[in-house]
Amino acid sequence: MDGFVGRASLEWWANRATCIEKYDIDLIVAIDAVGTWRARGQHANALDATQREGWDFLMEMDPYFSIVFPEEDQSGILVSVVESEDGTLTLTEASEGDGPAPR
């Protein structure tokens, strides 16, 4: 993938068999000359109060999600997610050993 603009999913996995929650996001991914990618986006739909509470809880527990792109192999890439006050999400590919075990 050279880059991506569109909708993807952030999935929070408790373990290899249990996906706790899935969030659709609108995303822009840019990849530099050495293959490092950076992504920024936002929730595709505004979160209601219950969804916001769940999102905040998961972010506080562990801000590592699997990002799944449409029409890809669905294996996901482990990313660290940071949300700014304006709701912008910044995703960074996680280093080996970060976050939970990949699915």
PDB file of N, CA and C in Angstrom:
ATOM      1  N   MET A   1       0.847  -1.164   0.000  1.00  0.00           N
ATOM      2  CA  MET A   1       0.000   0.000   0.000  1.00  0.00           C
ATOM      3  C   MET A   1       0.898   1.234   0.000  1.00  0.00           C
ATOM      4  N   ASP A   2       0.680   2.154  -0.936  1.00  0.00           N
ATOM      5  CA  ASP A   2       1.457   3.390  -1.014  1.00  0.00           C
ATOM      6  C   ASP A   2       0.855   4.487  -0.154  1.00  0.00           C
ATOM      7  N   GLY A   3      -0.378   4.372   0.127  1.00  0.00           N
ATOM      8  CA  GLY A   3      -1.123   5.335   0.919  1.00  0.00           C
ATOM      9  C   GLY A   3      -2.584   4.916   0.885  1.00  0.00           C
ATOM     10  N   PHE A   4      -3.387   5.611   1.637  1.00  0.00           N
ATOM     11  CA  PHE A   4      -4.791   5.230   1.697  1.00  0.00           C
ATOM     12  C   PHE A   4      -5.597   6.440   2.137  1.00  0.00           C
ATOM     13  N   VAL A   5      -6.729   6.640   1.502  1.00  0.00           N
ATOM     14  CA  VAL A   5      -7.709   7.630   1.921  1.00  0.00           C
ATOM     15  C   VAL A   5      -9.055   6.926   1.873  1.00  0.00           C
ATOM     16  N   GLY A   6      -9.723   6.860   3.001  1.00  0.00           N
ATOM     17  CA  GLY A   6     -11.020   6.203   3.021  1.00  0.00           C
ATOM     18  C   GLY A   6     -11.395   5.741   4.407  1.00  0.00           C
ATOM     19  N   ARG A   7     -12.272   4.770   4.459  1.00  0.00           N
ATOM     20  CA  ARG A   7     -12.780   4.248   5.724  1.00  0.00           C
ATOM     21  C   ARG A   7     -12.059   2.954   6.078  1.00  0.00           C
ATOM     22  N   ALA A   8     -11.740   2.818   7.337  1.00  0.00           N
ATOM     23  CA  ALA A   8     -11.133   1.610   7.880  1.00  0.00           C
ATOM     24  C   ALA A   8     -11.793   1.352   9.234  1.00  0.00           C
ATOM     25  N   SER A   9     -11.410   0.272   9.885  1.00  0.00           N
ATOM     26  CA  SER A   9     -11.958  -0.059  11.203  1.00  0.00           C
ATOM     27  C   SER A   9     -10.848  -0.157  12.220  1.00  0.00           C
ATOM     28  N   LEU A  10     -11.112   0.356  13.399  1.00  0.00           N
ATOM     29  CA  LEU A  10     -10.231   0.136  14.545  1.00  0.00           C
ATOM     30  C   LEU A  10     -10.901  -0.907  15.415  1.00  0.00           C
ATOM     31  N   GLU A  11     -10.177  -1.974  15.717  1.00  0.00           N
ATOM     32  CA  GLU A  11     -10.719  -3.063  16.533  1.00  0.00           C
ATOM     33  C   GLU A  11      -9.877  -3.209  17.790  1.00  0.00           C
ATOM     34  N   TRP A  12     -10.551  -3.346  18.928  1.00  0.00           N
ATOM     35  CA  TRP A  12      -9.854  -3.530  20.199  1.00  0.00           C
ATOM     36  C   TRP A  12     -10.058  -4.980  20.606  1.00  0.00           C
ATOM     37  N   TRP A  13      -8.943  -5.729  20.641  1.00  0.00           N
ATOM     38  CA  TRP A  13      -8.981  -7.162  20.921  1.00  0.00           C
ATOM     39  C   TRP A  13      -8.491  -7.450  22.332  1.00  0.00           C
ATOM     40  N   ALA A  14      -9.286  -8.200  23.084  1.00  0.00           N
ATOM     41  CA  ALA A  14      -8.887  -8.631  24.428  1.00  0.00           C
ATOM     42  C   ALA A  14      -7.868  -9.765  24.343  1.00  0.00           C
ATOM     43  N   ASN A  15      -8.040 -10.615  23.322  1.00  0.00           N
ATOM     44  CA  ASN A  15      -7.128 -11.728  23.063  1.00  0.00           C
ATOM     45  C   ASN A  15      -7.339 -12.139  21.606  1.00  0.00           C
ATOM     46  N   ARG A  16      -6.705 -13.188  21.174  1.00  0.00           N
ATOM     47  CA  ARG A  16      -6.793 -13.579  19.766  1.00  0.00           C
ATOM     48  C   ARG A  16      -8.200 -13.975  19.316  1.00  0.00           C
ATOM     49  N   ALA A  17      -9.078 -14.281  20.267  1.00  0.00           N
ATOM     50  CA  ALA A  17     -10.412 -14.760  19.912  1.00  0.00           C
ATOM     51  C   ALA A  17     -11.533 -13.767  20.223  1.00  0.00           C
ATOM     52  N   THR A  18     -11.239 -12.682  20.969  1.00  0.00           N
ATOM     53  CA  THR A  18     -12.308 -11.826  21.452  1.00  0.00           C
ATOM     54  C   THR A  18     -12.086 -10.363  21.075  1.00  0.00           C
ATOM     55  N   CYS A  19     -12.880  -9.904  20.113  1.00  0.00           N
ATOM     56  CA  CYS A  19     -12.878  -8.493  19.746  1.00  0.00           C
ATOM     57  C   CYS A  19     -13.917  -7.795  20.626  1.00  0.00           C
ATOM     58  N   ILE A  20     -13.462  -6.873  21.453  1.00  0.00           N
ATOM     59  CA  ILE A  20     -14.355  -6.180  22.382  1.00  0.00           C
ATOM     60  C   ILE A  20     -15.189  -5.117  21.675  1.00  0.00           C
ATOM     61  N   GLU A  21     -14.561  -4.366  20.767  1.00  0.00           N
ATOM     62  CA  GLU A  21     -15.290  -3.293  20.088  1.00  0.00           C
ATOM     63  C   GLU A  21     -14.639  -2.970  18.757  1.00  0.00           C
ATOM     64  N   LYS A  22     -15.439  -2.408  17.870  1.00  0.00           N
ATOM     65  CA  LYS A  22     -14.982  -2.038  16.532  1.00  0.00           C
ATOM     66  C   LYS A  22     -15.524  -0.647  16.225  1.00  0.00           C
ATOM     67  N   TYR A  23     -14.658   0.237  15.728  1.00  0.00           N
ATOM     68  CA  TYR A  23     -15.038   1.613  15.404  1.00  0.00           C
ATOM     69  C   TYR A  23     -14.660   1.900  13.958  1.00  0.00           C
ATOM     70  N   ASP A  24     -15.598   2.432  13.177  1.00  0.00           N
ATOM     71  CA  ASP A  24     -15.292   2.862  11.818  1.00  0.00           C
ATOM     72  C   ASP A  24     -14.653   4.244  11.887  1.00  0.00           C
ATOM     73  N   ILE A  25     -13.590   4.426  11.111  1.00  0.00           N
ATOM     74  CA  ILE A  25     -12.912   5.713  11.075  1.00  0.00           C
ATOM     75  C   ILE A  25     -12.670   6.121   9.627  1.00  0.00           C
ATOM     76  N   ASP A  26     -12.675   7.423   9.393  1.00  0.00           N
ATOM     77  CA  ASP A  26     -12.256   7.990   8.117  1.00  0.00           C
ATOM     78  C   ASP A  26     -10.786   8.347   8.305  1.00  0.00           C
ATOM     79  N   LEU A  27      -9.962   7.936   7.345  1.00  0.00           N
ATOM     80  CA  LEU A  27      -8.526   7.905   7.581  1.00  0.00           C
ATOM     81  C   LEU A  27      -7.738   8.362   6.360  1.00  0.00           C
ATOM     82  N   ILE A  28      -6.613   9.015   6.620  1.00  0.00           N
ATOM     83  CA  ILE A  28      -5.632   9.343   5.592  1.00  0.00           C
ATOM     84  C   ILE A  28      -4.304   8.756   6.059  1.00  0.00           C
ATOM     85  N   VAL A  29      -3.736   7.879   5.226  1.00  0.00           N
ATOM     86  CA  VAL A  29      -2.448   7.251   5.542  1.00  0.00           C
ATOM     87  C   VAL A  29      -1.435   7.704   4.500  1.00  0.00           C
ATOM     88  N   ALA A  30      -0.281   8.175   4.967  1.00  0.00           N
ATOM     89  CA  ALA A  30       0.821   8.539   4.074  1.00  0.00           C
ATOM     90  C   ALA A  30       2.024   7.681   4.439  1.00  0.00           C
ATOM     91  N   ILE A  31       2.731   7.215   3.423  1.00  0.00           N
ATOM     92  CA  ILE A  31       3.899   6.364   3.643  1.00  0.00           C
ATOM     93  C   ILE A  31       5.115   7.060   3.049  1.00  0.00           C
ATOM     94  N   ASP A  32       6.190   7.179   3.859  1.00  0.00           N
ATOM     95  CA  ASP A  32       7.380   7.864   3.365  1.00  0.00           C
ATOM     96  C   ASP A  32       8.282   6.909   2.575  1.00  0.00           C
ATOM     97  N   ALA A  33       9.403   7.417   2.120  1.00  0.00           N
ATOM     98  CA  ALA A  33      10.302   6.661   1.241  1.00  0.00           C
ATOM     99  C   ALA A  33      10.885   5.408   1.895  1.00  0.00           C
ATOM    100  N   VAL A  34      10.979   5.381   3.204  1.00  0.00           N
ATOM    101  CA  VAL A  34      11.538   4.204   3.884  1.00  0.00           C
ATOM    102  C   VAL A  34      10.458   3.259   4.401  1.00  0.00           C
ATOM    103  N   GLY A  35       9.196   3.555   4.081  1.00  0.00           N
ATOM    104  CA  GLY A  35       8.118   2.639   4.438  1.00  0.00           C
ATOM    105  C   GLY A  35       7.428   2.934   5.756  1.00  0.00           C
ATOM    106  N   THR A  36       7.823   4.005   6.430  1.00  0.00           N
ATOM    107  CA  THR A  36       7.160   4.382   7.674  1.00  0.00           C
ATOM    108  C   THR A  36       5.852   5.087   7.325  1.00  0.00           C
ATOM    109  N   TRP A  37       4.783   4.667   7.970  1.00  0.00           N
ATOM    110  CA  TRP A  37       3.520   5.310   7.661  1.00  0.00           C
ATOM    111  C   TRP A  37       2.990   6.086   8.851  1.00  0.00           C
ATOM    112  N   ARG A  38       2.259   7.130   8.503  1.00  0.00           N
ATOM    113  CA  ARG A  38       1.613   7.983   9.489  1.00  0.00           C
ATOM    114  C   ARG A  38       0.152   8.115   9.082  1.00  0.00           C
ATOM    115  N   ALA A  39      -0.711   8.133  10.063  1.00  0.00           N
ATOM    116  CA  ALA A  39      -2.140   8.191   9.748  1.00  0.00           C
ATOM    117  C   ALA A  39      -2.848   9.156  10.686  1.00  0.00           C
ATOM    118  N   ARG A  40      -3.807   9.861  10.111  1.00  0.00           N
ATOM    119  CA  ARG A  40      -4.664  10.752  10.876  1.00  0.00           C
ATOM    120  C   ARG A  40      -6.092  10.514  10.416  1.00  0.00           C
ATOM    121  N   GLY A  41      -7.009  10.645  11.345  1.00  0.00           N
ATOM    122  CA  GLY A  41      -8.396  10.433  10.972  1.00  0.00           C
ATOM    123  C   GLY A  41      -9.343  10.888  12.058  1.00  0.00           C
ATOM    124  N   GLN A  42     -10.568  10.431  11.927  1.00  0.00           N
ATOM    125  CA  GLN A  42     -11.599  10.730  12.912  1.00  0.00           C
ATOM    126  C   GLN A  42     -12.657   9.642  12.851  1.00  0.00           C
ATOM    127  N   HIS A  43     -13.456   9.571  13.880  1.00  0.00           N
ATOM    128  CA  HIS A  43     -14.549   8.597  13.873  1.00  0.00           C
ATOM    129  C   HIS A  43     -15.463   8.920  12.695  1.00  0.00           C
ATOM    130  N   ALA A  44     -15.881   7.893  11.974  1.00  0.00           N
ATOM    131  CA  ALA A  44     -16.746   8.073  10.809  1.00  0.00           C
ATOM    132  C   ALA A  44     -18.117   8.615  11.224  1.00  0.00           C
ATOM    133  N   ASN A  45     -18.558   8.219  12.396  1.00  0.00           N
ATOM    134  CA  ASN A  45     -19.843   8.674  12.933  1.00  0.00           C
ATOM    135  C   ASN A  45     -19.617   9.166  14.354  1.00  0.00           C
ATOM    136  N   ALA A  46     -20.323  10.220  14.723  1.00  0.00           N
ATOM    137  CA  ALA A  46     -20.200  10.733  16.083  1.00  0.00           C
ATOM    138  C   ALA A  46     -20.577   9.634  17.075  1.00  0.00           C
ATOM    139  N   LEU A  47     -19.801   9.522  18.127  1.00  0.00           N
ATOM    140  CA  LEU A  47     -20.079   8.510  19.150  1.00  0.00           C
ATOM    141  C   LEU A  47     -21.184   9.019  20.074  1.00  0.00           C
ATOM    142  N   ASP A  48     -22.158   8.149  20.354  1.00  0.00           N
ATOM    143  CA  ASP A  48     -23.175   8.531  21.329  1.00  0.00           C
ATOM    144  C   ASP A  48     -22.566   8.378  22.725  1.00  0.00           C
ATOM    145  N   ALA A  49     -23.314   8.706  23.761  1.00  0.00           N
ATOM    146  CA  ALA A  49     -22.775   8.714  25.123  1.00  0.00           C
ATOM    147  C   ALA A  49     -22.231   7.346  25.537  1.00  0.00           C
ATOM    148  N   THR A  50     -22.953   6.274  25.202  1.00  0.00           N
ATOM    149  CA  THR A  50     -22.506   4.925  25.567  1.00  0.00           C
ATOM    150  C   THR A  50     -21.245   4.538  24.803  1.00  0.00           C
ATOM    151  N   GLN A  51     -21.221   4.841  23.503  1.00  0.00           N
ATOM    152  CA  GLN A  51     -20.032   4.538  22.702  1.00  0.00           C
ATOM    153  C   GLN A  51     -18.830   5.350  23.185  1.00  0.00           C
ATOM    154  N   ARG A  52     -19.041   6.622  23.527  1.00  0.00           N
ATOM    155  CA  ARG A  52     -17.957   7.485  24.014  1.00  0.00           C
ATOM    156  C   ARG A  52     -17.395   6.931  25.306  1.00  0.00           C
ATOM    157  N   GLU A  53     -18.272   6.475  26.188  1.00  0.00           N
ATOM    158  CA  GLU A  53     -17.825   5.908  27.455  1.00  0.00           C
ATOM    159  C   GLU A  53     -16.978   4.658  27.203  1.00  0.00           C
ATOM    160  N   GLY A  54     -17.427   3.798  26.296  1.00  0.00           N
ATOM    161  CA  GLY A  54     -16.662   2.598  25.951  1.00  0.00           C
ATOM    162  C   GLY A  54     -15.326   2.939  25.322  1.00  0.00           C
ATOM    163  N   TRP A  55     -15.318   3.894  24.374  1.00  0.00           N
ATOM    164  CA  TRP A  55     -14.080   4.332  23.721  1.00  0.00           C
ATOM    165  C   TRP A  55     -13.088   4.856  24.755  1.00  0.00           C
ATOM    166  N   ASP A  56     -13.556   5.754  25.631  1.00  0.00           N
ATOM    167  CA  ASP A  56     -12.674   6.334  26.641  1.00  0.00           C
ATOM    168  C   ASP A  56     -12.114   5.257  27.563  1.00  0.00           C
ATOM    169  N   PHE A  57     -12.952   4.295  27.929  1.00  0.00           N
ATOM    170  CA  PHE A  57     -12.500   3.191  28.789  1.00  0.00           C
ATOM    171  C   PHE A  57     -11.402   2.382  28.102  1.00  0.00           C
ATOM    172  N   LEU A  58     -11.617   2.019  26.830  1.00  0.00           N
ATOM    173  CA  LEU A  58     -10.614   1.229  26.108  1.00  0.00           C
ATOM    174  C   LEU A  58      -9.329   2.017  25.909  1.00  0.00           C
ATOM    175  N   MET A  59      -9.445   3.296  25.603  1.00  0.00           N
ATOM    176  CA  MET A  59      -8.245   4.127  25.428  1.00  0.00           C
ATOM    177  C   MET A  59      -7.443   4.217  26.723  1.00  0.00           C
ATOM    178  N   GLU A  60      -8.151   4.285  27.842  1.00  0.00           N
ATOM    179  CA  GLU A  60      -7.468   4.348  29.132  1.00  0.00           C
ATOM    180  C   GLU A  60      -6.839   2.998  29.495  1.00  0.00           C
ATOM    181  N   MET A  61      -7.537   1.918  29.157  1.00  0.00           N
ATOM    182  CA  MET A  61      -7.016   0.572  29.439  1.00  0.00           C
ATOM    183  C   MET A  61      -5.751   0.293  28.656  1.00  0.00           C
ATOM    184  N   ASP A  62      -5.809   0.547  27.344  1.00  0.00           N
ATOM    185  CA  ASP A  62      -4.697   0.215  26.454  1.00  0.00           C
ATOM    186  C   ASP A  62      -4.994   0.833  25.086  1.00  0.00           C
ATOM    187  N   PRO A  63      -4.264   1.868  24.685  1.00  0.00           N
ATOM    188  CA  PRO A  63      -4.607   2.578  23.441  1.00  0.00           C
ATOM    189  C   PRO A  63      -4.109   1.885  22.171  1.00  0.00           C
ATOM    190  N   TYR A  64      -4.013   0.566  22.200  1.00  0.00           N
ATOM    191  CA  TYR A  64      -3.563  -0.189  21.030  1.00  0.00           C
ATOM    192  C   TYR A  64      -4.754  -0.894  20.389  1.00  0.00           C
ATOM    193  N   PHE A  65      -4.921  -0.654  19.106  1.00  0.00           N
ATOM    194  CA  PHE A  65      -6.008  -1.222  18.334  1.00  0.00           C
ATOM    195  C   PHE A  65      -5.423  -1.896  17.100  1.00  0.00           C
ATOM    196  N   SER A  66      -6.177  -2.792  16.507  1.00  0.00           N
ATOM    197  CA  SER A  66      -5.824  -3.314  15.184  1.00  0.00           C
ATOM    198  C   SER A  66      -6.590  -2.478  14.181  1.00  0.00           C
ATOM    199  N   ILE A  67      -5.880  -1.976  13.175  1.00  0.00           N
ATOM    200  CA  ILE A  67      -6.550  -1.257  12.110  1.00  0.00           C
ATOM    201  C   ILE A  67      -6.734  -2.224  10.950  1.00  0.00           C
ATOM    202  N   VAL A  68      -7.955  -2.280  10.457  1.00  0.00           N
ATOM    203  CA  VAL A  68      -8.292  -3.202   9.371  1.00  0.00           C
ATOM    204  C   VAL A  68      -8.791  -2.366   8.192  1.00  0.00           C
ATOM    205  N   PHE A  69      -8.127  -2.532   7.059  1.00  0.00           N
ATOM    206  CA  PHE A  69      -8.498  -1.802   5.850  1.00  0.00           C
ATOM    207  C   PHE A  69      -9.481  -2.634   5.033  1.00  0.00           C
ATOM    208  N   PRO A  70     -10.400  -1.976   4.349  1.00  0.00           N
ATOM    209  CA  PRO A  70     -11.359  -2.728   3.531  1.00  0.00           C
ATOM    210  C   PRO A  70     -10.642  -3.488   2.421  1.00  0.00           C
ATOM    211  N   GLU A  71     -11.146  -4.669   2.142  1.00  0.00           N
ATOM    212  CA  GLU A  71     -10.641  -5.503   1.055  1.00  0.00           C
ATOM    213  C   GLU A  71      -9.185  -5.916   1.230  1.00  0.00           C
ATOM    214  N   GLU A  72      -8.652  -5.811   2.436  1.00  0.00           N
ATOM    215  CA  GLU A  72      -7.323  -6.348   2.730  1.00  0.00           C
ATOM    216  C   GLU A  72      -7.538  -7.735   3.321  1.00  0.00           C
ATOM    217  N   ASP A  73      -6.476  -8.362   3.781  1.00  0.00           N
ATOM    218  CA  ASP A  73      -6.580  -9.731   4.284  1.00  0.00           C
ATOM    219  C   ASP A  73      -7.260  -9.832   5.644  1.00  0.00           C
ATOM    220  N   GLN A  74      -7.691  -8.700   6.204  1.00  0.00           N
ATOM    221  CA  GLN A  74      -8.410  -8.637   7.470  1.00  0.00           C
ATOM    222  C   GLN A  74      -7.561  -9.035   8.679  1.00  0.00           C
ATOM    223  N   SER A  75      -6.239  -9.122   8.520  1.00  0.00           N
ATOM    224  CA  SER A  75      -5.412  -9.499   9.657  1.00  0.00           C
ATOM    225  C   SER A  75      -5.160  -8.337  10.593  1.00  0.00           C
ATOM    226  N   GLY A  76      -5.215  -7.117  10.119  1.00  0.00           N
ATOM    227  CA  GLY A  76      -5.037  -5.951  10.968  1.00  0.00           C
ATOM    228  C   GLY A  76      -3.578  -5.630  11.233  1.00  0.00           C
ATOM    229  N   ILE A  77      -3.328  -4.369  11.484  1.00  0.00           N
ATOM    230  CA  ILE A  77      -2.011  -3.868  11.847  1.00  0.00           C
ATOM    231  C   ILE A  77      -2.162  -3.251  13.223  1.00  0.00           C
ATOM    232  N   LEU A  78      -1.311  -3.611  14.156  1.00  0.00           N
ATOM    233  CA  LEU A  78      -1.397  -3.073  15.505  1.00  0.00           C
ATOM    234  C   LEU A  78      -0.905  -1.631  15.508  1.00  0.00           C
ATOM    235  N   VAL A  79      -1.748  -0.723  16.031  1.00  0.00           N
ATOM    236  CA  VAL A  79      -1.408   0.695  16.075  1.00  0.00           C
ATOM    237  C   VAL A  79      -1.681   1.263  17.461  1.00  0.00           C
ATOM    238  N   SER A  80      -0.918   2.292  17.768  1.00  0.00           N
ATOM    239  CA  SER A  80      -1.177   3.094  18.953  1.00  0.00           C
ATOM    240  C   SER A  80      -2.050   4.262  18.505  1.00  0.00           C
ATOM    241  N   VAL A  81      -3.072   4.574  19.276  1.00  0.00           N
ATOM    242  CA  VAL A  81      -4.005   5.642  18.909  1.00  0.00           C
ATOM    243  C   VAL A  81      -3.941   6.738  19.965  1.00  0.00           C
ATOM    244  N   VAL A  82      -3.837   7.972  19.483  1.00  0.00           N
ATOM    245  CA  VAL A  82      -3.896   9.149  20.351  1.00  0.00           C
ATOM    246  C   VAL A  82      -5.020  10.020  19.818  1.00  0.00           C
ATOM    247  N   GLU A  83      -5.898  10.458  20.718  1.00  0.00           N
ATOM    248  CA  GLU A  83      -7.008  11.329  20.318  1.00  0.00           C
ATOM    249  C   GLU A  83      -6.767  12.722  20.876  1.00  0.00           C
ATOM    250  N   SER A  84      -6.796  13.729  20.000  1.00  0.00           N
ATOM    251  CA  SER A  84      -6.627  15.110  20.456  1.00  0.00           C
ATOM    252  C   SER A  84      -7.972  15.646  20.939  1.00  0.00           C
ATOM    253  N   GLU A  85      -7.942  16.805  21.554  1.00  0.00           N
ATOM    254  CA  GLU A  85      -9.166  17.387  22.105  1.00  0.00           C
ATOM    255  C   GLU A  85     -10.220  17.662  21.034  1.00  0.00           C
ATOM    256  N   ASP A  86      -9.781  17.907  19.789  1.00  0.00           N
ATOM    257  CA  ASP A  86     -10.749  18.170  18.724  1.00  0.00           C
ATOM    258  C   ASP A  86     -11.278  16.892  18.068  1.00  0.00           C
ATOM    259  N   GLY A  87     -10.875  15.729  18.599  1.00  0.00           N
ATOM    260  CA  GLY A  87     -11.364  14.454  18.093  1.00  0.00           C
ATOM    261  C   GLY A  87     -10.511  13.836  17.004  1.00  0.00           C
ATOM    262  N   THR A  88      -9.435  14.515  16.591  1.00  0.00           N
ATOM    263  CA  THR A  88      -8.543  13.951  15.585  1.00  0.00           C
ATOM    264  C   THR A  88      -7.790  12.768  16.173  1.00  0.00           C
ATOM    265  N   LEU A  89      -7.746  11.680  15.418  1.00  0.00           N
ATOM    266  CA  LEU A  89      -7.029  10.480  15.837  1.00  0.00           C
ATOM    267  C   LEU A  89      -5.700  10.421  15.096  1.00  0.00           C
ATOM    268  N   THR A  90      -4.631  10.199  15.824  1.00  0.00           N
ATOM    269  CA  THR A  90      -3.311   9.992  15.233  1.00  0.00           C
ATOM    270  C   THR A  90      -2.929   8.550  15.500  1.00  0.00           C
ATOM    271  N   LEU A  91      -2.625   7.813  14.431  1.00  0.00           N
ATOM    272  CA  LEU A  91      -2.286   6.392  14.537  1.00  0.00           C
ATOM    273  C   LEU A  91      -0.828   6.211  14.167  1.00  0.00           C
ATOM    274  N   THR A  92      -0.137   5.424  14.976  1.00  0.00           N
ATOM    275  CA  THR A  92       1.264   5.105  14.740  1.00  0.00           C
ATOM    276  C   THR A  92       1.413   3.607  14.812  1.00  0.00           C
ATOM    277  N   GLU A  93       2.099   3.025  13.844  1.00  0.00           N
ATOM    278  CA  GLU A  93       2.314   1.585  13.866  1.00  0.00           C
ATOM    279  C   GLU A  93       3.062   1.224  15.137  1.00  0.00           C
ATOM    280  N   ALA A  94       2.564   0.230  15.846  1.00  0.00           N
ATOM    281  CA  ALA A  94       3.159  -0.178  17.120  1.00  0.00           C
ATOM    282  C   ALA A  94       4.454  -0.935  16.876  1.00  0.00           C
ATOM    283  N   SER A  95       5.377  -0.779  17.800  1.00  0.00           N
ATOM    284  CA  SER A  95       6.627  -1.522  17.751  1.00  0.00           C
ATOM    285  C   SER A  95       6.396  -2.922  18.301  1.00  0.00           C
ATOM    286  N   GLU A  96       7.244  -3.846  17.921  1.00  0.00           N
ATOM    287  CA  GLU A  96       7.125  -5.209  18.440  1.00  0.00           C
ATOM    288  C   GLU A  96       7.203  -5.172  19.959  1.00  0.00           C
ATOM    289  N   GLY A  97       6.289  -5.856  20.605  1.00  0.00           N
ATOM    290  CA  GLY A  97       6.241  -5.880  22.065  1.00  0.00           C
ATOM    291  C   GLY A  97       5.287  -4.861  22.657  1.00  0.00           C
ATOM    292  N   ASP A  98       4.811  -3.897  21.858  1.00  0.00           N
ATOM    293  CA  ASP A  98       3.833  -2.938  22.344  1.00  0.00           C
ATOM    294  C   ASP A  98       2.442  -3.553  22.329  1.00  0.00           C
ATOM    295  N   GLY A  99       1.619  -3.133  23.232  1.00  0.00           N
ATOM    296  CA  GLY A  99       0.210  -3.508  23.215  1.00  0.00           C
ATOM    297  C   GLY A  99      -0.021  -4.991  23.390  1.00  0.00           C
ATOM    298  N   PRO A 100      -1.258  -5.416  23.135  1.00  0.00           N
ATOM    299  CA  PRO A 100      -1.610  -6.834  23.282  1.00  0.00           C
ATOM    300  C   PRO A 100      -1.045  -7.662  22.132  1.00  0.00           C
ATOM    301  N   ALA A 101      -1.120  -8.945  22.269  1.00  0.00           N
ATOM    302  CA  ALA A 101      -0.674  -9.835  21.190  1.00  0.00           C
ATOM    303  C   ALA A 101      -1.547  -9.606  19.965  1.00  0.00           C
ATOM    304  N   PRO A 102      -0.951  -9.515  18.785  1.00  0.00           N
ATOM    305  CA  PRO A 102      -1.765  -9.311  17.577  1.00  0.00           C
ATOM    306  C   PRO A 102      -2.694 -10.488  17.356  1.00  0.00           C
ATOM    307  N   ARG A 103      -3.781 -10.227  16.681  1.00  0.00           N
ATOM    308  CA  ARG A 103      -4.745 -11.289  16.464  1.00  0.00           C
ATOM    309  C   ARG A 103      -4.328 -12.208  15.359  1.00  0.00           C
TER     310      ARG A 103
END
